[in-house]
C-alpha atoms as a PDB file:
ATOM      1  CA  MET A   1      13.571  -3.783 -15.783  1.00  0.00           C
ATOM      2  CA  VAL A   2       9.720  -4.601 -16.213  1.00  0.00           C
ATOM      3  CA  GLU A   3       7.201  -1.975 -17.242  1.00  0.00           C
ATOM      4  CA  MET A   4       4.582  -0.921 -14.731  1.00  0.00           C
ATOM      5  CA  LYS A   5       1.199  -1.630 -15.790  1.00  0.00           C
ATOM      6  CA  ILE A   6      -1.638   0.616 -14.972  1.00  0.00           C
ATOM      7  CA  ILE A   7      -5.202  -0.597 -15.540  1.00  0.00           C
ATOM      8  CA  LYS A   8      -8.618  -0.023 -14.568  1.00  0.00           C
ATOM      9  CA  GLY A   9      -9.872  -2.377 -11.863  1.00  0.00           C
ATOM     10  CA  ASP A  10      -9.927  -3.263  -8.314  1.00  0.00           C
ATOM     11  CA  ALA A  11      -6.412  -3.554  -6.358  1.00  0.00           C
ATOM     12  CA  THR A  12      -8.433  -6.088  -4.074  1.00  0.00           C
ATOM     13  CA  SER A  13      -8.793  -8.413  -7.039  1.00  0.00           C
ATOM     14  CA  PRO A  14      -5.268  -8.819  -8.444  1.00  0.00           C
ATOM     15  CA  GLN A  15      -5.107  -9.901 -11.933  1.00  0.00           C
ATOM     16  CA  ALA A  16      -2.125 -12.264 -12.162  1.00  0.00           C
ATOM     17  CA  LYS A  17      -1.081 -15.894 -11.972  1.00  0.00           C
ATOM     18  CA  GLY A  18       1.130 -16.951  -9.036  1.00  0.00           C
ATOM     19  CA  PRO A  19       1.935 -15.263  -5.649  1.00  0.00           C
ATOM     20  CA  LYS A  20       0.684 -11.803  -5.249  1.00  0.00           C
ATOM     21  CA  ILE A  21       1.197  -8.788  -3.023  1.00  0.00           C
ATOM     22  CA  VAL A  22      -1.522  -5.966  -2.640  1.00  0.00           C
ATOM     23  CA  ALA A  23       0.353  -2.934  -1.213  1.00  0.00           C
ATOM     24  CA  HIS A  24      -1.240   0.076   0.254  1.00  0.00           C
ATOM     25  CA  VAL A  25      -0.279   2.958   2.649  1.00  0.00           C
ATOM     26  CA  CYS A  26      -1.552   3.296   6.071  1.00  0.00           C
ATOM     27  CA  ASN A  27      -1.081   6.224   8.618  1.00  0.00           C
ATOM     28  CA  ASP A  28       1.074   6.229  11.861  1.00  0.00           C
ATOM     29  CA  VAL A  29      -1.785   7.088  14.295  1.00  0.00           C
ATOM     30  CA  GLY A  30      -3.768   3.837  14.063  1.00  0.00           C
ATOM     31  CA  GLY A  31      -6.659   4.905  11.967  1.00  0.00           C
ATOM     32  CA  TRP A  32      -8.265   2.456   9.684  1.00  0.00           C
ATOM     33  CA  GLY A  33     -11.748   3.579   8.264  1.00  0.00           C
ATOM     34  CA  LYS A  34     -11.501   5.625   5.115  1.00  0.00           C
ATOM     35  CA  GLY A  35     -10.086   5.244   1.481  1.00  0.00           C
ATOM     36  CA  PHE A  36      -8.977   2.028   0.158  1.00  0.00           C
ATOM     37  CA  VAL A  37      -8.631   0.191   3.442  1.00  0.00           C
ATOM     38  CA  LEU A  38     -12.598  -0.144   3.462  1.00  0.00           C
ATOM     39  CA  ALA A  39     -12.193  -2.090   0.362  1.00  0.00           C
ATOM     40  CA  LEU A  40      -9.420  -4.220   2.035  1.00  0.00           C
ATOM     41  CA  SER A  41     -11.693  -4.901   4.916  1.00  0.00           C
ATOM     42  CA  ARG A  42     -14.505  -5.924   2.902  1.00  0.00           C
ATOM     43  CA  ARG A  43     -12.542  -8.526   1.107  1.00  0.00           C
ATOM     44  CA  TRP A  44     -10.302  -9.798   3.785  1.00  0.00           C
ATOM     45  CA  PRO A  45     -10.566  -8.938   7.671  1.00  0.00           C
ATOM     46  CA  GLU A  46      -7.015  -9.985   8.446  1.00  0.00           C
ATOM     47  CA  PRO A  47      -5.185  -6.775   7.394  1.00  0.00           C
ATOM     48  CA  GLU A  48      -7.348  -4.420   9.535  1.00  0.00           C
ATOM     49  CA  ARG A  49      -7.002  -7.021  12.387  1.00  0.00           C
ATOM     50  CA  ASP A  50      -3.219  -7.147  12.169  1.00  0.00           C
ATOM     51  CA  PHE A  51      -2.739  -3.393  11.738  1.00  0.00           C
ATOM     52  CA  ARG A  52      -4.821  -2.615  14.736  1.00  0.00           C
ATOM     53  CA  GLN A  53      -2.900  -5.156  16.961  1.00  0.00           C
ATOM     54  CA  TRP A  54       0.367  -3.949  15.578  1.00  0.00           C
ATOM     55  CA  HIS A  55      -0.535  -0.203  16.566  1.00  0.00           C
ATOM     56  CA  ARG A  56      -1.649  -1.144  19.928  1.00  0.00           C
ATOM     57  CA  ALA A  57       1.492  -2.950  20.622  1.00  0.00           C
ATOM     58  CA  ARG A  58       3.707  -0.156  19.237  1.00  0.00           C
ATOM     59  CA  ALA A  59       5.671   0.322  22.255  1.00  0.00           C
ATOM     60  CA  GLY A  60       7.256  -2.909  21.707  1.00  0.00           C
ATOM     61  CA  ASN A  61       7.602  -3.441  18.139  1.00  0.00           C
ATOM     62  CA  ASP A  62       8.485  -1.651  14.821  1.00  0.00           C
ATOM     63  CA  PHE A  63       5.371   0.151  14.176  1.00  0.00           C
ATOM     64  CA  GLY A  64       6.078   3.571  12.687  1.00  0.00           C
ATOM     65  CA  LEU A  65       6.744   5.463   9.523  1.00  0.00           C
ATOM     66  CA  GLY A  66       8.695   3.378   6.988  1.00  0.00           C
ATOM     67  CA  ALA A  67       7.568  -0.028   8.767  1.00  0.00           C
ATOM     68  CA  THR A  68       5.649  -2.771   6.701  1.00  0.00           C
ATOM     69  CA  ARG A  69       3.925  -5.903   7.441  1.00  0.00           C
ATOM     70  CA  LEU A  70       2.842  -8.429   5.124  1.00  0.00           C
ATOM     71  CA  ILE A  71      -0.419 -10.338   6.244  1.00  0.00           C
ATOM     72  CA  GLN A  72      -1.219 -13.609   4.353  1.00  0.00           C
ATOM     73  CA  VAL A  73      -4.867 -13.567   3.335  1.00  0.00           C
ATOM     74  CA  THR A  74      -5.192 -16.338   0.937  1.00  0.00           C
ATOM     75  CA  PRO A  75      -2.665 -19.245  -0.048  1.00  0.00           C
ATOM     76  CA  ASP A  76      -0.954 -16.994  -2.733  1.00  0.00           C
ATOM     77  CA  VAL A  77      -2.023 -13.247  -1.766  1.00  0.00           C
ATOM     78  CA  TRP A  78      -0.365 -11.226   1.024  1.00  0.00           C
ATOM     79  CA  VAL A  79      -1.611  -7.752   1.866  1.00  0.00           C
ATOM     80  CA  ALA A  80       1.380  -5.083   2.693  1.00  0.00           C
ATOM     81  CA  ASN A  81       0.360  -2.673   5.586  1.00  0.00           C
ATOM     82  CA  MET A  82       2.923   0.160   4.517  1.00  0.00           C
ATOM     83  CA  VAL A  83       3.064   2.979   7.159  1.00  0.00           C
ATOM     84  CA  GLY A  84       3.685   6.058   4.891  1.00  0.00           C
ATOM     85  CA  GLN A  85       1.407   8.697   6.055  1.00  0.00           C
ATOM     86  CA  HIS A  86       1.858  10.790   9.253  1.00  0.00           C
ATOM     87  CA  GLY A  87      -1.480  11.671  10.886  1.00  0.00           C
ATOM     88  CA  LEU A  88      -4.647  12.091   9.212  1.00  0.00           C
ATOM     89  CA  LYS A  89      -5.013  15.603   7.866  1.00  0.00           C
ATOM     90  CA  PRO A  90      -2.759  18.042   6.319  1.00  0.00           C
ATOM     91  CA  GLY A  91      -0.778  20.387   8.837  1.00  0.00           C
ATOM     92  CA  SER A  92       1.689  23.113   8.931  1.00  0.00           C
ATOM     93  CA  ALA A  93       4.269  20.395   7.357  1.00  0.00           C
ATOM     94  CA  GLY A  94       1.797  19.872   4.468  1.00  0.00           C
ATOM     95  CA  PRO A  95      -0.086  16.619   3.521  1.00  0.00           C
ATOM     96  CA  PRO A  96       0.143  13.582   5.675  1.00  0.00           C
ATOM     97  CA  VAL A  97       2.156  11.666   2.930  1.00  0.00           C
ATOM     98  CA  ARG A  98       5.719  11.083   3.713  1.00  0.00           C
ATOM     99  CA  TYR A  99       7.550  10.029   0.442  1.00  0.00           C
ATOM    100  CA  ASP A 100      10.648   8.745   2.338  1.00  0.00           C
ATOM    101  CA  ALA A 101       8.658   6.369   4.437  1.00  0.00           C
ATOM    102  CA  ILE A 102       6.835   5.052   1.467  1.00  0.00           C
ATOM    103  CA  GLY A 103      10.132   4.705  -0.410  1.00  0.00           C
ATOM    104  CA  ALA A 104      11.478   2.643   2.773  1.00  0.00           C
ATOM    105  CA  CYS A 105       8.187   0.590   2.810  1.00  0.00           C
ATOM    106  CA  LEU A 106       8.520  -0.035  -1.011  1.00  0.00           C
ATOM    107  CA  ALA A 107      12.099  -1.443  -0.604  1.00  0.00           C
ATOM    108  CA  THR A 108      10.633  -3.855   1.896  1.00  0.00           C
ATOM    109  CA  VAL A 109       8.033  -4.817  -0.229  1.00  0.00           C
ATOM    110  CA  GLY A 110      10.407  -5.409  -3.231  1.00  0.00           C
ATOM    111  CA  ARG A 111      12.640  -7.726  -1.073  1.00  0.00           C
ATOM    112  CA  GLU A 112       9.566  -9.792   0.044  1.00  0.00           C
ATOM    113  CA  ALA A 113       8.245  -9.801  -3.660  1.00  0.00           C
ATOM    114  CA  LEU A 114      11.578 -11.141  -4.797  1.00  0.00           C
ATOM    115  CA  ARG A 115      11.727 -13.728  -2.174  1.00  0.00           C
ATOM    116  CA  ARG A 116       8.222 -15.017  -2.650  1.00  0.00           C
ATOM    117  CA  LYS A 117       8.504 -14.683  -6.388  1.00  0.00           C
ATOM    118  CA  ALA A 118       5.272 -12.508  -6.264  1.00  0.00           C
ATOM    119  CA  SER A 119       3.897  -9.578  -8.348  1.00  0.00           C
ATOM    120  CA  VAL A 120       2.715  -6.376  -6.621  1.00  0.00           C
ATOM    121  CA  HIS A 121      -0.680  -4.726  -7.106  1.00  0.00           C
ATOM    122  CA  MET A 122      -1.544  -1.372  -5.916  1.00  0.00           C
ATOM    123  CA  PRO A 123      -3.989   1.738  -6.040  1.00  0.00           C
ATOM    124  CA  ARG A 124      -2.165   4.841  -6.682  1.00  0.00           C
ATOM    125  CA  ILE A 125      -0.821   4.502  -3.182  1.00  0.00           C
ATOM    126  CA  GLY A 126      -0.141   7.905  -1.325  1.00  0.00           C
ATOM    127  CA  CYS A 127      -2.386   9.894  -3.658  1.00  0.00           C
ATOM    128  CA  GLY A 128      -5.692   9.864  -1.935  1.00  0.00           C
ATOM    129  CA  LEU A 129      -6.158  10.618   1.739  1.00  0.00           C
ATOM    130  CA  ALA A 130      -2.449  11.043   2.214  1.00  0.00           C
ATOM    131  CA  GLY A 131      -2.360  13.974  -0.107  1.00  0.00           C
ATOM    132  CA  GLY A 132       0.595  12.755  -2.120  1.00  0.00           C
ATOM    133  CA  THR A 133       1.117  13.032  -6.045  1.00  0.00           C
ATOM    134  CA  TRP A 134       1.473  10.200  -8.422  1.00  0.00           C
ATOM    135  CA  GLU A 135       4.606  12.195  -9.968  1.00  0.00           C
ATOM    136  CA  ARG A 136       6.174  11.768  -6.726  1.00  0.00           C
ATOM    137  CA  ILE A 137       5.428   8.073  -6.079  1.00  0.00           C
ATOM    138  CA  GLU A 138       5.796   6.718  -9.563  1.00  0.00           C
ATOM    139  CA  PRO A 139       9.544   6.983  -9.311  1.00  0.00           C
ATOM    140  CA  LEU A 140       9.619   5.382  -5.961  1.00  0.00           C
ATOM    141  CA  VAL A 141       7.648   2.272  -7.156  1.00  0.00           C
ATOM    142  CA  THR A 142       9.843   2.148 -10.239  1.00  0.00           C
ATOM    143  CA  ALA A 143      13.088   2.313  -8.392  1.00  0.00           C
ATOM    144  CA  SER A 144      11.987  -0.275  -5.653  1.00  0.00           C
ATOM    145  CA  LEU A 145       9.997  -2.621  -7.647  1.00  0.00           C
ATOM    146  CA  CYS A 146      10.280  -2.250 -11.540  1.00  0.00           C
ATOM    147  CA  GLU A 147      14.024  -1.734 -11.701  1.00  0.00           C
ATOM    148  CA  ARG A 148      14.366  -5.025  -9.585  1.00  0.00           C
ATOM    149  CA  ASP A 149      12.362  -7.013 -12.009  1.00  0.00           C
ATOM    150  CA  VAL A 150       8.994  -7.224  -9.728  1.00  0.00           C
ATOM    151  CA  ALA A 151       5.952  -7.024 -11.835  1.00  0.00           C
ATOM    152  CA  VAL A 152       3.760  -4.294 -10.708  1.00  0.00           C
ATOM    153  CA  THR A 153       0.204  -3.497 -11.726  1.00  0.00           C
ATOM    154  CA  VAL A 154      -1.619  -0.238 -10.392  1.00  0.00           C
ATOM    155  CA  TYR A 155      -5.382  -0.234 -10.674  1.00  0.00           C
ATOM    156  CA  ASP A 156      -7.421   2.735 -11.113  1.00  0.00           C
ATOM    157  CA  PHE A 157     -10.894   2.150  -9.845  1.00  0.00           C
ATOM    158  CA  ASP A 158     -13.640   3.478 -11.975  1.00  0.00           C
ATOM    159  CA  GLU A 159     -16.270   4.092  -9.432  1.00  0.00           C
ATOM    160  CA  ARG A 160     -14.952   6.896  -7.226  1.00  0.00           C
ATOM    161  CA  PRO A 161     -18.092   7.712  -5.314  1.00  0.00           C
ATOM    162  CA  THR A 162     -18.414   4.333  -3.720  1.00  0.00           C
ATOM    163  CA  MET A 163     -14.889   4.085  -2.748  1.00  0.00           C
ATOM    164  CA  GLY A 164     -14.194   7.259  -1.168  1.00  0.00           C
ATOM    165  CA  SER A 165     -11.196   9.574  -2.284  1.00  0.00           C
ATOM    166  CA  TRP A 166      -8.461   7.164  -2.329  1.00  0.00           C
ATOM    167  CA  LEU A 167      -7.695   7.603  -5.920  1.00  0.00           C
ATOM    168  CA  CYS A 168      -5.569  10.430  -7.558  1.00  0.00           C
END
């Protein structure tokens, strides 16, 4: 098992050599415009474009809670769009985060990381707009990635006002 690293920095600028996967949580209603996705879109247009196309064609594909798509953005970097949030706002069922869906997404990311011999980089997924807690997310990351010997770096961005509320 490898230890998870938590550092200050920007998950869209992964600090590692070799292949890298930048993982983040998306919603299941096709919304892309707040939180960490803004930083992704500023860095690479491909993840947003793919997410919107994936959502538009959802009647004929696997789009939905627990689904993951990897989009190559440079020769050695992929972005994992992980659908782990139901809706956009808290409701009678609580916050939009869906821990079981995030667990399924992370299992997919783990398989892909092993296949590509990649490290995984992420903000504290599911803790911002999705309304989850790191205490519930961290064990999912550990089980799906660290226990499978996938190197994981979690980034705490230190300029919250400019990035929105995507950090815990």
